Amino acid sequence: MAVLGRLEGGPEDLRDQIVPIVPPGDEIKMPYRGGYEHYKVTTRHEDTEKGRVTVFSWWERTEIAE
């Protein structure tokens, strides 16, 4: 079973999405519109329709190097 996390903050299109955390860890790097949105794990958890998930808070955006 995949580990899931809920995204908090960042671009409006990504907010509150529940995503698989692969590999499980302390950060998520989401490709988004020519760059990456970075989220860090929090100590909070939430019960959702997909079960209990860890909340990841937006940290920063980086651009894809060309």
C-alpha atoms as a PDB file:
ATOM      1  CA  MET A   1       0.000   0.000   0.000  1.00  0.00           C
ATOM      2  CA  ALA A   2       1.315   3.428  -0.965  1.00  0.00           C
ATOM      3  CA  VAL A   3       2.121   6.059   1.629  1.00  0.00           C
ATOM      4  CA  LEU A   4      -0.036   9.140   1.004  1.00  0.00           C
ATOM      5  CA  GLY A   5       0.393  12.797   1.891  1.00  0.00           C
ATOM      6  CA  ARG A   6      -1.766  15.929   1.600  1.00  0.00           C
ATOM      7  CA  LEU A   7      -0.204  19.034   0.083  1.00  0.00           C
ATOM      8  CA  GLU A   8      -0.661  22.262   2.028  1.00  0.00           C
ATOM      9  CA  GLY A   9       0.093  25.642   0.460  1.00  0.00           C
ATOM     10  CA  GLY A  10       1.911  26.292  -2.797  1.00  0.00           C
ATOM     11  CA  PRO A  11       0.138  26.787  -6.127  1.00  0.00           C
ATOM     12  CA  GLU A  12      -3.650  26.755  -5.992  1.00  0.00           C
ATOM     13  CA  ASP A  13      -3.801  23.833  -8.473  1.00  0.00           C
ATOM     14  CA  LEU A  14      -1.824  21.620  -6.057  1.00  0.00           C
ATOM     15  CA  ARG A  15      -3.317  22.674  -2.710  1.00  0.00           C
ATOM     16  CA  ASP A  16      -5.088  19.961  -0.752  1.00  0.00           C
ATOM     17  CA  GLN A  17      -4.218  17.229  -3.252  1.00  0.00           C
ATOM     18  CA  ILE A  18      -3.559  13.797  -1.784  1.00  0.00           C
ATOM     19  CA  VAL A  19      -0.528  12.273  -3.490  1.00  0.00           C
ATOM     20  CA  PRO A  20       1.606   9.134  -3.149  1.00  0.00           C
ATOM     21  CA  ILE A  21       4.915   9.717  -1.356  1.00  0.00           C
ATOM     22  CA  VAL A  22       7.528   7.836  -3.402  1.00  0.00           C
ATOM     23  CA  PRO A  23       9.916   7.092  -1.892  1.00  0.00           C
ATOM     24  CA  PRO A  24       8.520   7.768   1.595  1.00  0.00           C
ATOM     25  CA  GLY A  25      10.530  10.517   3.259  1.00  0.00           C
ATOM     26  CA  ASP A  26      10.651  14.054   4.606  1.00  0.00           C
ATOM     27  CA  GLU A  27      10.228  15.949   1.323  1.00  0.00           C
ATOM     28  CA  ILE A  28       8.138  15.876  -1.846  1.00  0.00           C
ATOM     29  CA  LYS A  29       9.353  17.374  -5.139  1.00  0.00           C
ATOM     30  CA  MET A  30       6.390  17.893  -7.495  1.00  0.00           C
ATOM     31  CA  PRO A  31       7.019  18.767 -11.170  1.00  0.00           C
ATOM     32  CA  TYR A  32       4.832  21.768 -11.988  1.00  0.00           C
ATOM     33  CA  ARG A  33       4.766  24.269 -14.887  1.00  0.00           C
ATOM     34  CA  GLY A  34       8.433  24.169 -15.849  1.00  0.00           C
ATOM     35  CA  GLY A  35       9.765  23.820 -12.337  1.00  0.00           C
ATOM     36  CA  TYR A  36       9.350  21.947  -9.076  1.00  0.00           C
ATOM     37  CA  GLU A  37       7.269  22.701  -6.013  1.00  0.00           C
ATOM     38  CA  HIS A  38       8.926  21.473  -2.825  1.00  0.00           C
ATOM     39  CA  TYR A  39       6.998  20.349   0.252  1.00  0.00           C
ATOM     40  CA  LYS A  40       8.347  19.331   3.664  1.00  0.00           C
ATOM     41  CA  VAL A  41       6.773  16.886   6.077  1.00  0.00           C
ATOM     42  CA  THR A  42       4.977  18.273   9.138  1.00  0.00           C
ATOM     43  CA  THR A  43       4.102  16.537  12.395  1.00  0.00           C
ATOM     44  CA  ARG A  44       0.401  16.724  11.509  1.00  0.00           C
ATOM     45  CA  HIS A  45      -1.830  13.975  10.151  1.00  0.00           C
ATOM     46  CA  GLU A  46      -5.394  14.103   8.824  1.00  0.00           C
ATOM     47  CA  ASP A  47      -8.120  11.552   8.336  1.00  0.00           C
ATOM     48  CA  THR A  48      -9.353  11.658   4.720  1.00  0.00           C
ATOM     49  CA  GLU A  49     -11.515   9.571   2.410  1.00  0.00           C
ATOM     50  CA  LYS A  50      -8.279   7.772   1.454  1.00  0.00           C
ATOM     51  CA  GLY A  51      -7.326   7.064   5.065  1.00  0.00           C
ATOM     52  CA  ARG A  52      -4.942   8.776   7.465  1.00  0.00           C
ATOM     53  CA  VAL A  53      -2.357  10.908   5.642  1.00  0.00           C
ATOM     54  CA  THR A  54       0.636  13.016   6.619  1.00  0.00           C
ATOM     55  CA  VAL A  55       0.454  16.752   5.858  1.00  0.00           C
ATOM     56  CA  PHE A  56       3.289  18.202   3.758  1.00  0.00           C
ATOM     57  CA  SER A  57       3.718  21.990   3.796  1.00  0.00           C
ATOM     58  CA  TRP A  58       4.925  24.016   0.784  1.00  0.00           C
ATOM     59  CA  TRP A  59       8.505  25.188   1.190  1.00  0.00           C
ATOM     60  CA  GLU A  60       9.841  26.602  -2.088  1.00  0.00           C
ATOM     61  CA  ARG A  61       9.774  26.536  -5.878  1.00  0.00           C
ATOM     62  CA  THR A  62      12.779  25.811  -8.075  1.00  0.00           C
ATOM     63  CA  GLU A  63      13.132  26.061 -11.848  1.00  0.00           C
ATOM     64  CA  ILE A  64      14.209  23.172 -14.073  1.00  0.00           C
ATOM     65  CA  ALA A  65      17.786  23.734 -15.266  1.00  0.00           C
ATOM     66  CA  GLU A  66      18.245  23.552 -19.024  1.00  0.00           C
END
